[in-house]
Amino acid sequence: MHELGVLRMAARTAVRAAAQNNVKSIKFFTLEIGDESGFVPLFFEKYFPIIREEFPPLAEAELRMETISGGRQFLLKEIGY
């Protein structure tokens, strides 16, 4: 269940960036996940509705994910306003 914690961290970062740019609503954000990171993309999808409820600017947001072959990284790659 580490996915929920890192998804919250990414959501906080996205919401903070939106606020700094005077944006009230986020349309999407993209995560880049290495396939050797230990994170399971299916769990990010499962927990995203919880995150959308916790962070109002994400209420209508779409979660996008890119898997990187051989990678161990996890990062918030893109935020769409």
N, C-alpha and C. Protein backbone atom coordinates (compact mmCIF):
# COMPACT_ATOMS: atom_id res chain seq x y z
N MET A 1 0.82 -1.19 0.00
CA MET A 1 0.00 0.00 0.00
C MET A 1 0.87 1.26 0.00
N HIS A 2 2.11 1.15 -0.37
CA HIS A 2 2.97 2.32 -0.51
C HIS A 2 2.45 3.24 -1.61
N GLU A 3 1.72 2.67 -2.54
CA GLU A 3 1.20 3.47 -3.65
C GLU A 3 0.32 4.61 -3.16
N LEU A 4 -0.48 4.38 -2.15
CA LEU A 4 -1.37 5.45 -1.65
C LEU A 4 -0.55 6.61 -1.10
N GLY A 5 0.51 6.33 -0.36
CA GLY A 5 1.35 7.39 0.20
C GLY A 5 2.06 8.20 -0.86
N VAL A 6 2.63 7.54 -1.85
CA VAL A 6 3.35 8.30 -2.88
C VAL A 6 2.38 9.01 -3.81
N LEU A 7 1.18 8.45 -3.97
CA LEU A 7 0.16 9.14 -4.77
C LEU A 7 -0.28 10.42 -4.05
N ARG A 8 -0.41 10.36 -2.74
CA ARG A 8 -0.73 11.57 -1.96
C ARG A 8 0.36 12.62 -2.10
N MET A 9 1.60 12.16 -2.06
CA MET A 9 2.73 13.09 -2.20
C MET A 9 2.70 13.76 -3.58
N ALA A 10 2.44 13.00 -4.62
CA ALA A 10 2.35 13.56 -5.96
C ALA A 10 1.18 14.53 -6.07
N ALA A 11 0.06 14.19 -5.44
CA ALA A 11 -1.12 15.06 -5.46
C ALA A 11 -0.82 16.38 -4.76
N ARG A 12 -0.16 16.32 -3.61
CA ARG A 12 0.21 17.56 -2.91
C ARG A 12 1.08 18.45 -3.77
N THR A 13 2.03 17.83 -4.45
CA THR A 13 2.93 18.59 -5.32
C THR A 13 2.14 19.24 -6.46
N ALA A 14 1.23 18.49 -7.08
CA ALA A 14 0.43 19.01 -8.18
C ALA A 14 -0.47 20.15 -7.73
N VAL A 15 -1.10 19.99 -6.57
CA VAL A 15 -2.00 21.02 -6.04
C VAL A 15 -1.20 22.28 -5.67
N ARG A 16 -0.03 22.09 -5.09
CA ARG A 16 0.83 23.24 -4.74
C ARG A 16 1.24 24.00 -6.01
N ALA A 17 1.63 23.26 -7.05
CA ALA A 17 2.01 23.91 -8.31
C ALA A 17 0.83 24.66 -8.92
N ALA A 18 -0.34 24.07 -8.86
CA ALA A 18 -1.54 24.73 -9.39
C ALA A 18 -1.81 26.03 -8.63
N ALA A 19 -1.72 25.98 -7.32
CA ALA A 19 -1.96 27.18 -6.50
C ALA A 19 -0.96 28.28 -6.81
N GLN A 20 0.30 27.91 -7.02
CA GLN A 20 1.33 28.90 -7.34
C GLN A 20 1.08 29.56 -8.69
N ASN A 21 0.33 28.87 -9.55
CA ASN A 21 0.00 29.42 -10.87
C ASN A 21 -1.43 29.92 -10.95
N ASN A 22 -2.06 30.10 -9.78
CA ASN A 22 -3.44 30.59 -9.70
C ASN A 22 -4.42 29.75 -10.49
N VAL A 23 -4.22 28.44 -10.47
CA VAL A 23 -5.09 27.49 -11.15
C VAL A 23 -5.97 26.80 -10.11
N LYS A 24 -7.26 26.76 -10.36
CA LYS A 24 -8.20 26.20 -9.39
C LYS A 24 -8.47 24.71 -9.61
N SER A 25 -8.25 24.24 -10.84
CA SER A 25 -8.63 22.88 -11.19
C SER A 25 -7.54 22.24 -12.05
N ILE A 26 -7.24 20.99 -11.76
CA ILE A 26 -6.24 20.24 -12.52
C ILE A 26 -6.98 19.23 -13.40
N LYS A 27 -6.66 19.21 -14.68
CA LYS A 27 -7.32 18.30 -15.62
C LYS A 27 -6.71 16.90 -15.59
N PHE A 28 -5.39 16.85 -15.45
CA PHE A 28 -4.73 15.55 -15.39
C PHE A 28 -3.36 15.71 -14.76
N PHE A 29 -2.81 14.61 -14.30
CA PHE A 29 -1.40 14.58 -14.01
C PHE A 29 -0.84 13.23 -14.39
N THR A 30 0.42 13.26 -14.82
CA THR A 30 1.07 12.08 -15.36
C THR A 30 2.18 11.62 -14.43
N LEU A 31 2.15 10.35 -14.10
CA LEU A 31 3.19 9.74 -13.30
C LEU A 31 4.09 8.91 -14.21
N GLU A 32 5.37 8.96 -13.95
CA GLU A 32 6.32 8.11 -14.65
C GLU A 32 6.80 7.07 -13.64
N ILE A 33 6.57 5.81 -13.97
CA ILE A 33 6.84 4.73 -13.02
C ILE A 33 7.77 3.71 -13.67
N GLY A 34 8.92 3.49 -13.05
CA GLY A 34 9.82 2.46 -13.53
C GLY A 34 9.26 1.09 -13.22
N ASP A 35 9.39 0.17 -14.16
CA ASP A 35 8.82 -1.16 -13.93
C ASP A 35 9.60 -1.96 -12.89
N GLU A 36 10.73 -1.46 -12.46
CA GLU A 36 11.49 -2.10 -11.39
C GLU A 36 11.42 -1.28 -10.08
N SER A 37 10.48 -0.35 -10.02
CA SER A 37 10.35 0.52 -8.85
C SER A 37 9.68 -0.17 -7.66
N GLY A 38 8.98 -1.25 -7.93
CA GLY A 38 8.23 -1.93 -6.88
C GLY A 38 6.81 -1.44 -6.76
N PHE A 39 6.45 -0.39 -7.49
CA PHE A 39 5.09 0.13 -7.47
C PHE A 39 4.24 -0.59 -8.51
N VAL A 40 2.97 -0.79 -8.16
CA VAL A 40 2.03 -1.50 -9.03
C VAL A 40 1.04 -0.47 -9.58
N PRO A 41 1.11 -0.17 -10.89
CA PRO A 41 0.20 0.82 -11.47
C PRO A 41 -1.28 0.58 -11.18
N LEU A 42 -1.68 -0.68 -11.11
CA LEU A 42 -3.08 -1.00 -10.82
C LEU A 42 -3.53 -0.40 -9.49
N PHE A 43 -2.63 -0.37 -8.50
CA PHE A 43 -2.99 0.21 -7.20
C PHE A 43 -3.11 1.73 -7.28
N PHE A 44 -2.30 2.37 -8.12
CA PHE A 44 -2.46 3.81 -8.30
C PHE A 44 -3.85 4.10 -8.85
N GLU A 45 -4.29 3.30 -9.81
CA GLU A 45 -5.64 3.47 -10.38
C GLU A 45 -6.71 3.23 -9.32
N LYS A 46 -6.49 2.22 -8.50
CA LYS A 46 -7.45 1.87 -7.45
C LYS A 46 -7.61 2.99 -6.42
N TYR A 47 -6.49 3.61 -6.04
CA TYR A 47 -6.50 4.62 -4.98
C TYR A 47 -6.78 6.04 -5.49
N PHE A 48 -6.74 6.26 -6.78
CA PHE A 48 -6.90 7.62 -7.28
C PHE A 48 -8.25 8.25 -6.90
N PRO A 49 -9.36 7.51 -6.89
CA PRO A 49 -10.62 8.13 -6.44
C PRO A 49 -10.54 8.68 -5.01
N ILE A 50 -9.80 8.04 -4.14
CA ILE A 50 -9.62 8.54 -2.77
C ILE A 50 -8.87 9.87 -2.81
N ILE A 51 -7.84 9.94 -3.62
CA ILE A 51 -7.03 11.16 -3.76
C ILE A 51 -7.88 12.29 -4.33
N ARG A 52 -8.71 11.98 -5.30
CA ARG A 52 -9.58 13.00 -5.89
C ARG A 52 -10.52 13.61 -4.85
N GLU A 53 -10.98 12.79 -3.91
CA GLU A 53 -11.84 13.30 -2.84
C GLU A 53 -11.06 14.15 -1.84
N GLU A 54 -9.82 13.78 -1.56
CA GLU A 54 -9.01 14.49 -0.57
C GLU A 54 -8.49 15.84 -1.06
N PHE A 55 -8.31 15.98 -2.35
CA PHE A 55 -7.72 17.19 -2.92
C PHE A 55 -8.69 17.80 -3.93
N PRO A 56 -9.50 18.78 -3.51
CA PRO A 56 -10.53 19.37 -4.39
C PRO A 56 -10.05 19.81 -5.77
N PRO A 57 -8.84 20.37 -5.96
CA PRO A 57 -8.42 20.72 -7.31
C PRO A 57 -8.29 19.52 -8.25
N LEU A 58 -8.26 18.32 -7.67
CA LEU A 58 -8.15 17.09 -8.48
C LEU A 58 -9.50 16.40 -8.68
N ALA A 59 -10.58 17.03 -8.26
CA ALA A 59 -11.90 16.39 -8.28
C ALA A 59 -12.29 15.82 -9.64
N GLU A 60 -11.89 16.49 -10.70
CA GLU A 60 -12.23 16.03 -12.05
C GLU A 60 -11.01 15.55 -12.82
N ALA A 61 -9.90 15.39 -12.15
CA ALA A 61 -8.63 15.07 -12.82
C ALA A 61 -8.57 13.63 -13.30
N GLU A 62 -7.79 13.45 -14.32
CA GLU A 62 -7.49 12.13 -14.87
C GLU A 62 -6.07 11.75 -14.45
N LEU A 63 -5.90 10.51 -14.07
CA LEU A 63 -4.57 10.00 -13.74
C LEU A 63 -4.00 9.33 -14.99
N ARG A 64 -2.82 9.79 -15.38
CA ARG A 64 -2.12 9.18 -16.52
C ARG A 64 -0.82 8.58 -16.00
N MET A 65 -0.44 7.46 -16.56
CA MET A 65 0.79 6.80 -16.13
C MET A 65 1.60 6.34 -17.33
N GLU A 66 2.90 6.47 -17.19
CA GLU A 66 3.83 5.95 -18.19
C GLU A 66 4.79 5.01 -17.47
N THR A 67 4.92 3.80 -17.99
CA THR A 67 5.83 2.84 -17.40
C THR A 67 7.13 2.86 -18.19
N ILE A 68 8.24 2.93 -17.45
CA ILE A 68 9.56 2.97 -18.06
C ILE A 68 10.23 1.62 -17.85
N SER A 69 10.55 0.97 -18.93
CA SER A 69 11.18 -0.35 -18.89
C SER A 69 12.57 -0.26 -18.26
N GLY A 70 12.80 -1.13 -17.29
CA GLY A 70 14.11 -1.19 -16.64
C GLY A 70 14.37 -0.09 -15.63
N GLY A 71 13.39 0.79 -15.41
CA GLY A 71 13.59 1.92 -14.51
C GLY A 71 13.14 1.63 -13.09
N ARG A 72 13.71 2.37 -12.16
CA ARG A 72 13.33 2.25 -10.75
C ARG A 72 12.71 3.54 -10.23
N GLN A 73 12.49 4.50 -11.10
CA GLN A 73 12.02 5.81 -10.69
C GLN A 73 10.52 5.87 -10.51
N PHE A 74 10.12 6.87 -9.76
CA PHE A 74 8.73 7.29 -9.64
C PHE A 74 8.77 8.80 -9.62
N LEU A 75 8.08 9.43 -10.55
CA LEU A 75 8.05 10.89 -10.53
C LEU A 75 6.76 11.43 -11.11
N LEU A 76 6.45 12.62 -10.67
CA LEU A 76 5.33 13.37 -11.23
C LEU A 76 5.88 14.07 -12.45
N LYS A 77 5.50 13.58 -13.62
CA LYS A 77 6.10 14.05 -14.86
C LYS A 77 5.42 15.30 -15.43
N GLU A 78 4.10 15.36 -15.33
CA GLU A 78 3.37 16.44 -16.00
C GLU A 78 2.08 16.75 -15.24
N ILE A 79 1.73 18.03 -15.22
CA ILE A 79 0.48 18.48 -14.61
C ILE A 79 -0.27 19.26 -15.68
N GLY A 80 -1.48 18.87 -15.96
CA GLY A 80 -2.29 19.56 -16.97
C GLY A 80 -3.37 20.40 -16.33
N TYR A 81 -3.42 21.68 -16.72
CA TYR A 81 -4.42 22.60 -16.17
C TYR A 81 -5.54 22.81 -17.15
